[in-house]
Amino acid sequence: PGIERTHEFEVDERLSTDVAGTIGAEVLSTPGMIAMIERNASILAFEHLPDGKATVGFEVCVKHVAAAAKGARCTAHARLAEVADDRKLRFDVEVREGERVIGVGTHERRVIEPSRFHA
C-alpha cells in the first residue's frame, strides 16, 4: 500500500463523445475516463508483481464530476490503498485536468496467473 502512479493522456477521438450530438462538443466520455483509470492502475500493479502474475479489473466505483474537452491534457492517478489476501488490490483513483477534478473514486483489481488461461 502507498505506491502511486500518474499517467498523462490527451482526450482524443477514441476517448471522447458528443453524447449522440446532444451537447454540441466532444468531451471525455465516462467509459474513456474509466479506461484510463484501469490502464494506469494495471500498469502500477504490474510493475510491482512477481514474474508470472498479472491483474484483472474487478470493480470500478467512480464519479465523473466535470467535463474535459477533446484535446485536453489530463492525468490519471492511482494510489494503492489496500491489499487483502495477497491478491485483492484496492486503489484510490482520480482524473484531473490541471487542478480541476474530472473523476474520483476507487478501483479494484485481482492478481491472477495468466498461464492458467493458455490452452
PDB file of N, CA and C in Angstrom:
ATOM      1  N   PRO A   1       0.822  -1.207   0.000  1.00  0.00           N
ATOM      2  CA  PRO A   1       0.000   0.000   0.000  1.00  0.00           C
ATOM      3  C   PRO A   1       0.861   1.264   0.000  1.00  0.00           C
ATOM      4  N   GLY A   2       0.323   2.304  -0.613  1.00  0.00           N
ATOM      5  CA  GLY A   2       1.031   3.577  -0.662  1.00  0.00           C
ATOM      6  C   GLY A   2       1.724   3.858  -1.982  1.00  0.00           C
ATOM      7  N   ILE A   3       1.965   2.821  -2.808  1.00  0.00           N
ATOM      8  CA  ILE A   3       2.606   3.087  -4.098  1.00  0.00           C
ATOM      9  C   ILE A   3       1.642   3.865  -4.987  1.00  0.00           C
ATOM     10  N   GLU A   4       2.203   4.718  -5.840  1.00  0.00           N
ATOM     11  CA  GLU A   4       1.388   5.596  -6.672  1.00  0.00           C
ATOM     12  C   GLU A   4       1.939   5.666  -8.081  1.00  0.00           C
ATOM     13  N   ARG A   5       1.055   6.036  -9.006  1.00  0.00           N
ATOM     14  CA  ARG A   5       1.462   6.232 -10.394  1.00  0.00           C
ATOM     15  C   ARG A   5       0.517   7.248 -11.018  1.00  0.00           C
ATOM     16  N   THR A   6       1.086   8.123 -11.835  1.00  0.00           N
ATOM     17  CA  THR A   6       0.312   9.107 -12.591  1.00  0.00           C
ATOM     18  C   THR A   6       0.647   8.950 -14.061  1.00  0.00           C
ATOM     19  N   HIS A   7      -0.381   9.002 -14.886  1.00  0.00           N
ATOM     20  CA  HIS A   7      -0.201   8.887 -16.338  1.00  0.00           C
ATOM     21  C   HIS A   7      -0.920  10.053 -17.005  1.00  0.00           C
ATOM     22  N   GLU A   8      -0.202  10.772 -17.869  1.00  0.00           N
ATOM     23  CA  GLU A   8      -0.805  11.869 -18.607  1.00  0.00           C
ATOM     24  C   GLU A   8      -1.353  11.344 -19.922  1.00  0.00           C
ATOM     25  N   PHE A   9      -2.514  11.846 -20.326  1.00  0.00           N
ATOM     26  CA  PHE A   9      -3.117  11.452 -21.598  1.00  0.00           C
ATOM     27  C   PHE A   9      -3.870  12.629 -22.200  1.00  0.00           C
ATOM     28  N   GLU A  10      -4.094  12.541 -23.493  1.00  0.00           N
ATOM     29  CA  GLU A  10      -4.868  13.552 -24.204  1.00  0.00           C
ATOM     30  C   GLU A  10      -6.249  12.993 -24.506  1.00  0.00           C
ATOM     31  N   VAL A  11      -7.259  13.810 -24.320  1.00  0.00           N
ATOM     32  CA  VAL A  11      -8.619  13.409 -24.674  1.00  0.00           C
ATOM     33  C   VAL A  11      -8.699  13.435 -26.198  1.00  0.00           C
ATOM     34  N   ASP A  12      -8.602  12.258 -26.803  1.00  0.00           N
ATOM     35  CA  ASP A  12      -8.647  12.153 -28.253  1.00  0.00           C
ATOM     36  C   ASP A  12      -9.968  11.521 -28.689  1.00  0.00           C
ATOM     37  N   GLU A  13     -10.084  11.271 -29.974  1.00  0.00           N
ATOM     38  CA  GLU A  13     -11.333  10.764 -30.528  1.00  0.00           C
ATOM     39  C   GLU A  13     -11.789   9.447 -29.887  1.00  0.00           C
ATOM     40  N   ARG A  14     -10.843   8.558 -29.599  1.00  0.00           N
ATOM     41  CA  ARG A  14     -11.235   7.262 -29.039  1.00  0.00           C
ATOM     42  C   ARG A  14     -11.723   7.366 -27.597  1.00  0.00           C
ATOM     43  N   LEU A  15     -11.394   8.444 -26.903  1.00  0.00           N
ATOM     44  CA  LEU A  15     -11.803   8.628 -25.508  1.00  0.00           C
ATOM     45  C   LEU A  15     -12.965   9.610 -25.345  1.00  0.00           C
ATOM     46  N   SER A  16     -13.447  10.170 -26.450  1.00  0.00           N
ATOM     47  CA  SER A  16     -14.434  11.243 -26.344  1.00  0.00           C
ATOM     48  C   SER A  16     -15.802  10.839 -26.883  1.00  0.00           C
ATOM     49  N   THR A  17     -16.771  11.685 -26.564  1.00  0.00           N
ATOM     50  CA  THR A  17     -18.138  11.516 -27.046  1.00  0.00           C
ATOM     51  C   THR A  17     -18.786  12.884 -27.161  1.00  0.00           C
ATOM     52  N   ASP A  18     -19.780  12.980 -28.015  1.00  0.00           N
ATOM     53  CA  ASP A  18     -20.619  14.178 -28.045  1.00  0.00           C
ATOM     54  C   ASP A  18     -22.033  13.825 -27.570  1.00  0.00           C
ATOM     55  N   VAL A  19     -22.144  12.699 -26.917  1.00  0.00           N
ATOM     56  CA  VAL A  19     -23.395  12.175 -26.378  1.00  0.00           C
ATOM     57  C   VAL A  19     -24.479  12.199 -27.473  1.00  0.00           C
ATOM     58  N   ALA A  20     -24.138  11.511 -28.567  1.00  0.00           N
ATOM     59  CA  ALA A  20     -25.054  11.389 -29.718  1.00  0.00           C
ATOM     60  C   ALA A  20     -25.501  12.749 -30.251  1.00  0.00           C
ATOM     61  N   GLY A  21     -24.594  13.711 -30.206  1.00  0.00           N
ATOM     62  CA  GLY A  21     -24.886  15.038 -30.743  1.00  0.00           C
ATOM     63  C   GLY A  21     -25.700  15.929 -29.836  1.00  0.00           C
ATOM     64  N   THR A  22     -25.948  15.522 -28.611  1.00  0.00           N
ATOM     65  CA  THR A  22     -26.837  16.291 -27.729  1.00  0.00           C
ATOM     66  C   THR A  22     -26.161  17.434 -26.984  1.00  0.00           C
ATOM     67  N   ILE A  23     -24.811  17.464 -26.956  1.00  0.00           N
ATOM     68  CA  ILE A  23     -24.167  18.547 -26.195  1.00  0.00           C
ATOM     69  C   ILE A  23     -23.374  19.508 -27.075  1.00  0.00           C
ATOM     70  N   GLY A  24     -23.222  19.182 -28.357  1.00  0.00           N
ATOM     71  CA  GLY A  24     -22.568  20.110 -29.272  1.00  0.00           C
ATOM     72  C   GLY A  24     -21.074  20.256 -29.100  1.00  0.00           C
ATOM     73  N   ALA A  25     -20.446  19.366 -28.378  1.00  0.00           N
ATOM     74  CA  ALA A  25     -18.998  19.399 -28.189  1.00  0.00           C
ATOM     75  C   ALA A  25     -18.520  17.991 -27.872  1.00  0.00           C
ATOM     76  N   GLU A  26     -17.267  17.701 -28.210  1.00  0.00           N
ATOM     77  CA  GLU A  26     -16.652  16.419 -27.864  1.00  0.00           C
ATOM     78  C   GLU A  26     -15.985  16.561 -26.506  1.00  0.00           C
ATOM     79  N   VAL A  27     -16.318  15.645 -25.587  1.00  0.00           N
ATOM     80  CA  VAL A  27     -15.755  15.660 -24.241  1.00  0.00           C
ATOM     81  C   VAL A  27     -15.300  14.253 -23.864  1.00  0.00           C
ATOM     82  N   LEU A  28     -14.491  14.163 -22.816  1.00  0.00           N
ATOM     83  CA  LEU A  28     -14.058  12.871 -22.302  1.00  0.00           C
ATOM     84  C   LEU A  28     -15.289  12.069 -21.892  1.00  0.00           C
ATOM     85  N   SER A  29     -15.419  10.874 -22.461  1.00  0.00           N
ATOM     86  CA  SER A  29     -16.552  10.014 -22.109  1.00  0.00           C
ATOM     87  C   SER A  29     -16.269   9.313 -20.786  1.00  0.00           C
ATOM     88  N   THR A  30     -17.321   8.890 -20.121  1.00  0.00           N
ATOM     89  CA  THR A  30     -17.143   8.136 -18.881  1.00  0.00           C
ATOM     90  C   THR A  30     -16.416   6.820 -19.150  1.00  0.00           C
ATOM     91  N   PRO A  31     -16.786   6.050 -20.199  1.00  0.00           N
ATOM     92  CA  PRO A  31     -16.008   4.831 -20.489  1.00  0.00           C
ATOM     93  C   PRO A  31     -14.540   5.132 -20.810  1.00  0.00           C
ATOM     94  N   GLY A  32     -14.262   6.250 -21.485  1.00  0.00           N
ATOM     95  CA  GLY A  32     -12.883   6.632 -21.781  1.00  0.00           C
ATOM     96  C   GLY A  32     -12.114   6.963 -20.516  1.00  0.00           C
ATOM     97  N   MET A  33     -12.770   7.674 -19.598  1.00  0.00           N
ATOM     98  CA  MET A  33     -12.137   8.004 -18.321  1.00  0.00           C
ATOM     99  C   MET A  33     -11.829   6.728 -17.544  1.00  0.00           C
ATOM    100  N   ILE A  34     -12.794   5.810 -17.506  1.00  0.00           N
ATOM    101  CA  ILE A  34     -12.590   4.551 -16.794  1.00  0.00           C
ATOM    102  C   ILE A  34     -11.462   3.754 -17.429  1.00  0.00           C
ATOM    103  N   ALA A  35     -11.363   3.766 -18.752  1.00  0.00           N
ATOM    104  CA  ALA A  35     -10.270   3.056 -19.439  1.00  0.00           C
ATOM    105  C   ALA A  35      -8.911   3.590 -19.003  1.00  0.00           C
ATOM    106  N   MET A  36      -8.776   4.897 -18.870  1.00  0.00           N
ATOM    107  CA  MET A  36      -7.502   5.483 -18.448  1.00  0.00           C
ATOM    108  C   MET A  36      -7.212   5.171 -16.979  1.00  0.00           C
ATOM    109  N   ILE A  37      -8.246   5.126 -16.153  1.00  0.00           N
ATOM    110  CA  ILE A  37      -8.090   4.744 -14.740  1.00  0.00           C
ATOM    111  C   ILE A  37      -7.593   3.309 -14.649  1.00  0.00           C
ATOM    112  N   GLU A  38      -8.265   2.397 -15.365  1.00  0.00           N
ATOM    113  CA  GLU A  38      -7.884   0.981 -15.315  1.00  0.00           C
ATOM    114  C   GLU A  38      -6.487   0.759 -15.871  1.00  0.00           C
ATOM    115  N   ARG A  39      -6.172   1.421 -16.971  1.00  0.00           N
ATOM    116  CA  ARG A  39      -4.843   1.271 -17.583  1.00  0.00           C
ATOM    117  C   ARG A  39      -3.759   1.679 -16.596  1.00  0.00           C
ATOM    118  N   ASN A  40      -3.929   2.832 -15.976  1.00  0.00           N
ATOM    119  CA  ASN A  40      -2.916   3.337 -15.057  1.00  0.00           C
ATOM    120  C   ASN A  40      -2.750   2.415 -13.847  1.00  0.00           C
ATOM    121  N   ALA A  41      -3.852   1.979 -13.252  1.00  0.00           N
ATOM    122  CA  ALA A  41      -3.775   1.091 -12.082  1.00  0.00           C
ATOM    123  C   ALA A  41      -3.177  -0.258 -12.447  1.00  0.00           C
ATOM    124  N   SER A  42      -3.508  -0.778 -13.636  1.00  0.00           N
ATOM    125  CA  SER A  42      -2.967  -2.087 -14.034  1.00  0.00           C
ATOM    126  C   SER A  42      -1.465  -2.017 -14.251  1.00  0.00           C
ATOM    127  N   ILE A  43      -0.982  -0.923 -14.818  1.00  0.00           N
ATOM    128  CA  ILE A  43       0.471  -0.759 -15.001  1.00  0.00           C
ATOM    129  C   ILE A  43       1.154  -0.621 -13.645  1.00  0.00           C
ATOM    130  N   LEU A  44       0.574   0.170 -12.748  1.00  0.00           N
ATOM    131  CA  LEU A  44       1.139   0.324 -11.403  1.00  0.00           C
ATOM    132  C   LEU A  44       1.257  -1.035 -10.723  1.00  0.00           C
ATOM    133  N   ALA A  45       0.197  -1.827 -10.762  1.00  0.00           N
ATOM    134  CA  ALA A  45       0.233  -3.149 -10.134  1.00  0.00           C
ATOM    135  C   ALA A  45       1.276  -4.036 -10.796  1.00  0.00           C
ATOM    136  N   PHE A  46       1.270  -4.078 -12.120  1.00  0.00           N
ATOM    137  CA  PHE A  46       2.173  -4.959 -12.863  1.00  0.00           C
ATOM    138  C   PHE A  46       3.637  -4.664 -12.544  1.00  0.00           C
ATOM    139  N   GLU A  47       3.973  -3.398 -12.383  1.00  0.00           N
ATOM    140  CA  GLU A  47       5.355  -3.000 -12.088  1.00  0.00           C
ATOM    141  C   GLU A  47       5.855  -3.545 -10.750  1.00  0.00           C
ATOM    142  N   HIS A  48       4.943  -3.991  -9.890  1.00  0.00           N
ATOM    143  CA  HIS A  48       5.321  -4.449  -8.553  1.00  0.00           C
ATOM    144  C   HIS A  48       4.966  -5.909  -8.282  1.00  0.00           C
ATOM    145  N   LEU A  49       4.492  -6.620  -9.299  1.00  0.00           N
ATOM    146  CA  LEU A  49       4.118  -8.023  -9.124  1.00  0.00           C
ATOM    147  C   LEU A  49       5.285  -8.952  -9.413  1.00  0.00           C
ATOM    148  N   PRO A  50       5.284 -10.146  -8.824  1.00  0.00           N
ATOM    149  CA  PRO A  50       6.299 -11.145  -9.166  1.00  0.00           C
ATOM    150  C   PRO A  50       6.095 -11.621 -10.607  1.00  0.00           C
ATOM    151  N   ASP A  51       7.152 -12.152 -11.200  1.00  0.00           N
ATOM    152  CA  ASP A  51       7.055 -12.710 -12.551  1.00  0.00           C
ATOM    153  C   ASP A  51       5.937 -13.743 -12.613  1.00  0.00           C
ATOM    154  N   GLY A  52       5.243 -13.777 -13.737  1.00  0.00           N
ATOM    155  CA  GLY A  52       4.185 -14.745 -13.931  1.00  0.00           C
ATOM    156  C   GLY A  52       2.836 -14.327 -13.380  1.00  0.00           C
ATOM    157  N   LYS A  53       2.756 -13.125 -12.832  1.00  0.00           N
ATOM    158  CA  LYS A  53       1.492 -12.622 -12.288  1.00  0.00           C
ATOM    159  C   LYS A  53       1.036 -11.404 -13.087  1.00  0.00           C
ATOM    160  N   ALA A  54      -0.266 -11.182 -13.080  1.00  0.00           N
ATOM    161  CA  ALA A  54      -0.880 -10.011 -13.714  1.00  0.00           C
ATOM    162  C   ALA A  54      -2.126  -9.676 -12.901  1.00  0.00           C
ATOM    163  N   THR A  55      -2.861  -8.656 -13.316  1.00  0.00           N
ATOM    164  CA  THR A  55      -4.104  -8.318 -12.637  1.00  0.00           C
ATOM    165  C   THR A  55      -5.223  -8.158 -13.652  1.00  0.00           C
ATOM    166  N   VAL A  56      -6.435  -8.334 -13.181  1.00  0.00           N
ATOM    167  CA  VAL A  56      -7.627  -8.040 -13.978  1.00  0.00           C
ATOM    168  C   VAL A  56      -8.514  -7.112 -13.157  1.00  0.00           C
ATOM    169  N   GLY A  57      -9.233  -6.238 -13.866  1.00  0.00           N
ATOM    170  CA  GLY A  57     -10.149  -5.334 -13.197  1.00  0.00           C
ATOM    171  C   GLY A  57     -11.327  -6.100 -12.630  1.00  0.00           C
ATOM    172  N   PHE A  58     -11.767  -5.701 -11.456  1.00  0.00           N
ATOM    173  CA  PHE A  58     -12.849  -6.396 -10.760  1.00  0.00           C
ATOM    174  C   PHE A  58     -14.008  -5.449 -10.458  1.00  0.00           C
ATOM    175  N   GLU A  59     -13.674  -4.223 -10.083  1.00  0.00           N
ATOM    176  CA  GLU A  59     -14.727  -3.267  -9.732  1.00  0.00           C
ATOM    177  C   GLU A  59     -14.235  -1.850  -9.992  1.00  0.00           C
ATOM    178  N   VAL A  60     -15.129  -1.021 -10.503  1.00  0.00           N
ATOM    179  CA  VAL A  60     -14.865   0.399 -10.685  1.00  0.00           C
ATOM    180  C   VAL A  60     -16.014   1.156 -10.038  1.00  0.00           C
ATOM    181  N   CYS A  61     -15.685   2.071  -9.151  1.00  0.00           N
ATOM    182  CA  CYS A  61     -16.693   2.891  -8.489  1.00  0.00           C
ATOM    183  C   CYS A  61     -16.197   4.340  -8.554  1.00  0.00           C
ATOM    184  N   VAL A  62     -16.611   5.061  -9.599  1.00  0.00           N
ATOM    185  CA  VAL A  62     -16.126   6.429  -9.801  1.00  0.00           C
ATOM    186  C   VAL A  62     -17.280   7.378 -10.088  1.00  0.00           C
ATOM    187  N   LYS A  63     -17.040   8.622  -9.774  1.00  0.00           N
ATOM    188  CA  LYS A  63     -17.955   9.703 -10.137  1.00  0.00           C
ATOM    189  C   LYS A  63     -17.263  10.544 -11.205  1.00  0.00           C
ATOM    190  N   HIS A  64     -17.987  10.819 -12.281  1.00  0.00           N
ATOM    191  CA  HIS A  64     -17.493  11.676 -13.354  1.00  0.00           C
ATOM    192  C   HIS A  64     -18.088  13.054 -13.072  1.00  0.00           C
ATOM    193  N   VAL A  65     -17.287  13.940 -12.466  1.00  0.00           N
ATOM    194  CA  VAL A  65     -17.827  15.164 -11.876  1.00  0.00           C
ATOM    195  C   VAL A  65     -17.645  16.433 -12.707  1.00  0.00           C
ATOM    196  N   ALA A  66     -16.848  16.360 -13.796  1.00  0.00           N
ATOM    197  CA  ALA A  66     -16.644  17.545 -14.629  1.00  0.00           C
ATOM    198  C   ALA A  66     -16.251  17.100 -16.032  1.00  0.00           C
ATOM    199  N   ALA A  67     -16.438  17.997 -16.980  1.00  0.00           N
ATOM    200  CA  ALA A  67     -16.104  17.703 -18.376  1.00  0.00           C
ATOM    201  C   ALA A  67     -14.668  18.093 -18.679  1.00  0.00           C
ATOM    202  N   ALA A  68     -14.076  17.357 -19.619  1.00  0.00           N
ATOM    203  CA  ALA A  68     -12.777  17.714 -20.189  1.00  0.00           C
ATOM    204  C   ALA A  68     -12.955  17.658 -21.699  1.00  0.00           C
ATOM    205  N   ALA A  69     -12.683  18.757 -22.373  1.00  0.00           N
ATOM    206  CA  ALA A  69     -12.916  18.860 -23.810  1.00  0.00           C
ATOM    207  C   ALA A  69     -11.913  18.025 -24.605  1.00  0.00           C
ATOM    208  N   LYS A  70     -12.336  17.615 -25.806  1.00  0.00           N
ATOM    209  CA  LYS A  70     -11.427  16.927 -26.718  1.00  0.00           C
ATOM    210  C   LYS A  70     -10.185  17.795 -26.894  1.00  0.00           C
ATOM    211  N   GLY A  71      -9.014  17.174 -26.803  1.00  0.00           N
ATOM    212  CA  GLY A  71      -7.745  17.884 -26.892  1.00  0.00           C
ATOM    213  C   GLY A  71      -7.152  18.249 -25.543  1.00  0.00           C
ATOM    214  N   ALA A  72      -7.935  18.134 -24.484  1.00  0.00           N
ATOM    215  CA  ALA A  72      -7.434  18.471 -23.143  1.00  0.00           C
ATOM    216  C   ALA A  72      -6.363  17.477 -22.717  1.00  0.00           C
ATOM    217  N   ARG A  73      -5.388  17.955 -21.938  1.00  0.00           N
ATOM    218  CA  ARG A  73      -4.365  17.097 -21.337  1.00  0.00           C
ATOM    219  C   ARG A  73      -4.826  16.790 -19.915  1.00  0.00           C
ATOM    220  N   CYS A  74      -5.003  15.514 -19.645  1.00  0.00           N
ATOM    221  CA  CYS A  74      -5.474  15.071 -18.332  1.00  0.00           C
ATOM    222  C   CYS A  74      -4.469  14.115 -17.709  1.00  0.00           C
ATOM    223  N   THR A  75      -4.617  13.869 -16.416  1.00  0.00           N
ATOM    224  CA  THR A  75      -3.802  12.870 -15.735  1.00  0.00           C
ATOM    225  C   THR A  75      -4.709  11.892 -15.004  1.00  0.00           C
ATOM    226  N   ALA A  76      -4.330  10.628 -15.073  1.00  0.00           N
ATOM    227  CA  ALA A  76      -4.976   9.589 -14.278  1.00  0.00           C
ATOM    228  C   ALA A  76      -4.002   9.245 -13.160  1.00  0.00           C
ATOM    229  N   HIS A  77      -4.491   9.263 -11.940  1.00  0.00           N
ATOM    230  CA  HIS A  77      -3.641   8.984 -10.780  1.00  0.00           C
ATOM    231  C   HIS A  77      -4.229   7.804 -10.010  1.00  0.00           C
ATOM    232  N   ALA A  78      -3.365   6.898  -9.595  1.00  0.00           N
ATOM    233  CA  ALA A  78      -3.782   5.759  -8.775  1.00  0.00           C
ATOM    234  C   ALA A  78      -2.840   5.623  -7.594  1.00  0.00           C
ATOM    235  N   ARG A  79      -3.426   5.330  -6.431  1.00  0.00           N
ATOM    236  CA  ARG A  79      -2.649   5.034  -5.229  1.00  0.00           C
ATOM    237  C   ARG A  79      -3.204   3.747  -4.648  1.00  0.00           C
ATOM    238  N   LEU A  80      -2.306   2.770  -4.449  1.00  0.00           N
ATOM    239  CA  LEU A  80      -2.724   1.504  -3.858  1.00  0.00           C
ATOM    240  C   LEU A  80      -3.087   1.758  -2.401  1.00  0.00           C
ATOM    241  N   ALA A  81      -4.361   1.573  -2.067  1.00  0.00           N
ATOM    242  CA  ALA A  81      -4.848   1.866  -0.723  1.00  0.00           C
ATOM    243  C   ALA A  81      -4.860   0.636   0.173  1.00  0.00           C
ATOM    244  N   GLU A  82      -5.086  -0.541  -0.427  1.00  0.00           N
ATOM    245  CA  GLU A  82      -5.250  -1.736   0.393  1.00  0.00           C
ATOM    246  C   GLU A  82      -4.920  -2.988  -0.404  1.00  0.00           C
ATOM    247  N   VAL A  83      -4.315  -3.965   0.277  1.00  0.00           N
ATOM    248  CA  VAL A  83      -4.073  -5.301  -0.275  1.00  0.00           C
ATOM    249  C   VAL A  83      -4.707  -6.293   0.691  1.00  0.00           C
ATOM    250  N   ALA A  84      -5.562  -7.167   0.167  1.00  0.00           N
ATOM    251  CA  ALA A  84      -6.201  -8.180   1.016  1.00  0.00           C
ATOM    252  C   ALA A  84      -5.944  -9.558   0.418  1.00  0.00           C
ATOM    253  N   ASP A  85      -5.669 -10.516   1.264  1.00  0.00           N
ATOM    254  CA  ASP A  85      -5.450 -11.906   0.849  1.00  0.00           C
ATOM    255  C   ASP A  85      -4.363 -12.048  -0.216  1.00  0.00           C
ATOM    256  N   ASP A  86      -3.408 -11.152  -0.248  1.00  0.00           N
ATOM    257  CA  ASP A  86      -2.295 -11.159  -1.211  1.00  0.00           C
ATOM    258  C   ASP A  86      -2.746 -11.131  -2.669  1.00  0.00           C
ATOM    259  N   ARG A  87      -4.023 -10.884  -2.939  1.00  0.00           N
ATOM    260  CA  ARG A  87      -4.472 -10.875  -4.333  1.00  0.00           C
ATOM    261  C   ARG A  87      -5.538  -9.838  -4.651  1.00  0.00           C
ATOM    262  N   LYS A  88      -6.096  -9.200  -3.631  1.00  0.00           N
ATOM    263  CA  LYS A  88      -7.134  -8.192  -3.837  1.00  0.00           C
ATOM    264  C   LYS A  88      -6.520  -6.815  -3.637  1.00  0.00           C
ATOM    265  N   LEU A  89      -6.507  -6.026  -4.697  1.00  0.00           N
ATOM    266  CA  LEU A  89      -5.872  -4.707  -4.673  1.00  0.00           C
ATOM    267  C   LEU A  89      -6.943  -3.629  -4.809  1.00  0.00           C
ATOM    268  N   ARG A  90      -6.973  -2.683  -3.877  1.00  0.00           N
ATOM    269  CA  ARG A  90      -7.915  -1.573  -3.969  1.00  0.00           C
ATOM    270  C   ARG A  90      -7.143  -0.271  -4.125  1.00  0.00           C
ATOM    271  N   PHE A  91      -7.490   0.468  -5.155  1.00  0.00           N
ATOM    272  CA  PHE A  91      -6.827   1.723  -5.485  1.00  0.00           C
ATOM    273  C   PHE A  91      -7.767   2.900  -5.277  1.00  0.00           C
ATOM    274  N   ASP A  92      -7.230   3.993  -4.759  1.00  0.00           N
ATOM    275  CA  ASP A  92      -7.913   5.281  -4.814  1.00  0.00           C
ATOM    276  C   ASP A  92      -7.486   5.897  -6.137  1.00  0.00           C
ATOM    277  N   VAL A  93      -8.457   6.370  -6.913  1.00  0.00           N
ATOM    278  CA  VAL A  93      -8.154   6.865  -8.262  1.00  0.00           C
ATOM    279  C   VAL A  93      -8.746   8.249  -8.473  1.00  0.00           C
ATOM    280  N   GLU A  94      -8.123   8.961  -9.397  1.00  0.00           N
ATOM    281  CA  GLU A  94      -8.568  10.314  -9.701  1.00  0.00           C
ATOM    282  C   GLU A  94      -8.112  10.674 -11.110  1.00  0.00           C
ATOM    283  N   VAL A  95      -8.939  11.424 -11.818  1.00  0.00           N
ATOM    284  CA  VAL A  95      -8.567  12.000 -13.110  1.00  0.00           C
ATOM    285  C   VAL A  95      -8.704  13.501 -12.967  1.00  0.00           C
ATOM    286  N   ARG A  96      -7.667  14.217 -13.443  1.00  0.00           N
ATOM    287  CA  ARG A  96      -7.656  15.679 -13.366  1.00  0.00           C
ATOM    288  C   ARG A  96      -7.292  16.288 -14.715  1.00  0.00           C
ATOM    289  N   GLU A  97      -7.778  17.480 -14.926  1.00  0.00           N
ATOM    290  CA  GLU A  97      -7.281  18.350 -15.990  1.00  0.00           C
ATOM    291  C   GLU A  97      -6.695  19.546 -15.262  1.00  0.00           C
ATOM    292  N   GLY A  98      -5.372  19.568 -15.164  1.00  0.00           N
ATOM    293  CA  GLY A  98      -4.727  20.589 -14.341  1.00  0.00           C
ATOM    294  C   GLY A  98      -5.155  20.435 -12.904  1.00  0.00           C
ATOM    295  N   GLU A  99      -5.702  21.483 -12.315  1.00  0.00           N
ATOM    296  CA  GLU A  99      -6.155  21.436 -10.925  1.00  0.00           C
ATOM    297  C   GLU A  99      -7.603  20.967 -10.786  1.00  0.00           C
ATOM    298  N   ARG A 100      -8.323  20.909 -11.909  1.00  0.00           N
ATOM    299  CA  ARG A 100      -9.737  20.509 -11.861  1.00  0.00           C
ATOM    300  C   ARG A 100      -9.893  18.999 -11.762  1.00  0.00           C
ATOM    301  N   VAL A 101     -10.703  18.538 -10.835  1.00  0.00           N
ATOM    302  CA  VAL A 101     -11.006  17.120 -10.718  1.00  0.00           C
ATOM    303  C   VAL A 101     -12.081  16.784 -11.750  1.00  0.00           C
ATOM    304  N   ILE A 102     -11.795  15.779 -12.568  1.00  0.00           N
ATOM    305  CA  ILE A 102     -12.732  15.315 -13.590  1.00  0.00           C
ATOM    306  C   ILE A 102     -13.468  14.071 -13.093  1.00  0.00           C
ATOM    307  N   GLY A 103     -12.750  13.186 -12.419  1.00  0.00           N
ATOM    308  CA  GLY A 103     -13.344  11.957 -11.893  1.00  0.00           C
ATOM    309  C   GLY A 103     -12.615  11.517 -10.640  1.00  0.00           C
ATOM    310  N   VAL A 104     -13.330  10.839  -9.750  1.00  0.00           N
ATOM    311  CA  VAL A 104     -12.734  10.402  -8.493  1.00  0.00           C
ATOM    312  C   VAL A 104     -13.467   9.161  -7.993  1.00  0.00           C
ATOM    313  N   GLY A 105     -12.712   8.250  -7.357  1.00  0.00           N
ATOM    314  CA  GLY A 105     -13.342   7.058  -6.812  1.00  0.00           C
ATOM    315  C   GLY A 105     -12.345   5.982  -6.447  1.00  0.00           C
ATOM    316  N   THR A 106     -12.788   4.727  -6.599  1.00  0.00           N
ATOM    317  CA  THR A 106     -11.946   3.579  -6.289  1.00  0.00           C
ATOM    318  C   THR A 106     -11.996   2.582  -7.434  1.00  0.00           C
ATOM    319  N   HIS A 107     -10.970   1.743  -7.488  1.00  0.00           N
ATOM    320  CA  HIS A 107     -10.880   0.691  -8.498  1.00  0.00           C
ATOM    321  C   HIS A 107     -10.243  -0.522  -7.840  1.00  0.00           C
ATOM    322  N   GLU A 108     -10.828  -1.692  -8.064  1.00  0.00           N
ATOM    323  CA  GLU A 108     -10.268  -2.919  -7.514  1.00  0.00           C
ATOM    324  C   GLU A 108      -9.791  -3.836  -8.622  1.00  0.00           C
ATOM    325  N   ARG A 109      -8.653  -4.488  -8.341  1.00  0.00           N
ATOM    326  CA  ARG A 109      -8.073  -5.445  -9.278  1.00  0.00           C
ATOM    327  C   ARG A 109      -7.743  -6.721  -8.512  1.00  0.00           C
ATOM    328  N   ARG A 110      -7.682  -7.837  -9.212  1.00  0.00           N
ATOM    329  CA  ARG A 110      -7.326  -9.122  -8.617  1.00  0.00           C
ATOM    330  C   ARG A 110      -6.073  -9.647  -9.296  1.00  0.00           C
ATOM    331  N   VAL A 111      -5.170 -10.187  -8.499  1.00  0.00           N
ATOM    332  CA  VAL A 111      -3.942 -10.787  -9.024  1.00  0.00           C
ATOM    333  C   VAL A 111      -4.292 -12.170  -9.577  1.00  0.00           C
ATOM    334  N   ILE A 112      -3.803 -12.452 -10.782  1.00  0.00           N
ATOM    335  CA  ILE A 112      -4.058 -13.746 -11.432  1.00  0.00           C
ATOM    336  C   ILE A 112      -2.739 -14.307 -11.966  1.00  0.00           C
ATOM    337  N   GLU A 113      -2.784 -15.557 -12.362  1.00  0.00           N
ATOM    338  CA  GLU A 113      -1.685 -16.202 -13.077  1.00  0.00           C
ATOM    339  C   GLU A 113      -2.147 -16.397 -14.512  1.00  0.00           C
ATOM    340  N   PRO A 114      -1.699 -15.551 -15.452  1.00  0.00           N
ATOM    341  CA  PRO A 114      -2.160 -15.650 -16.843  1.00  0.00           C
ATOM    342  C   PRO A 114      -1.913 -17.004 -17.494  1.00  0.00           C
ATOM    343  N   SER A 115      -0.861 -17.708 -17.055  1.00  0.00           N
ATOM    344  CA  SER A 115      -0.546 -19.003 -17.662  1.00  0.00           C
ATOM    345  C   SER A 115      -1.677 -20.008 -17.472  1.00  0.00           C
ATOM    346  N   ARG A 116      -2.520 -19.802 -16.485  1.00  0.00           N
ATOM    347  CA  ARG A 116      -3.649 -20.706 -16.250  1.00  0.00           C
ATOM    348  C   ARG A 116      -4.701 -20.618 -17.347  1.00  0.00           C
ATOM    349  N   PHE A 117      -4.643 -19.557 -18.160  1.00  0.00           N
ATOM    350  CA  PHE A 117      -5.650 -19.349 -19.181  1.00  0.00           C
ATOM    351  C   PHE A 117      -5.191 -19.739 -20.591  1.00  0.00           C
ATOM    352  N   HIS A 118      -3.981 -20.224 -20.731  1.00  0.00           N
ATOM    353  CA  HIS A 118      -3.473 -20.643 -22.034  1.00  0.00           C
ATOM    354  C   HIS A 118      -3.883 -22.081 -22.307  1.00  0.00           C
ATOM    355  N   ALA A 119      -4.300 -22.312 -23.524  1.00  0.00           N
ATOM    356  CA  ALA A 119      -4.736 -23.674 -23.908  1.00  0.00           C
ATOM    357  C   ALA A 119      -3.555 -24.567 -24.178  1.00  0.00           C
TER     358      ALA A 119
END
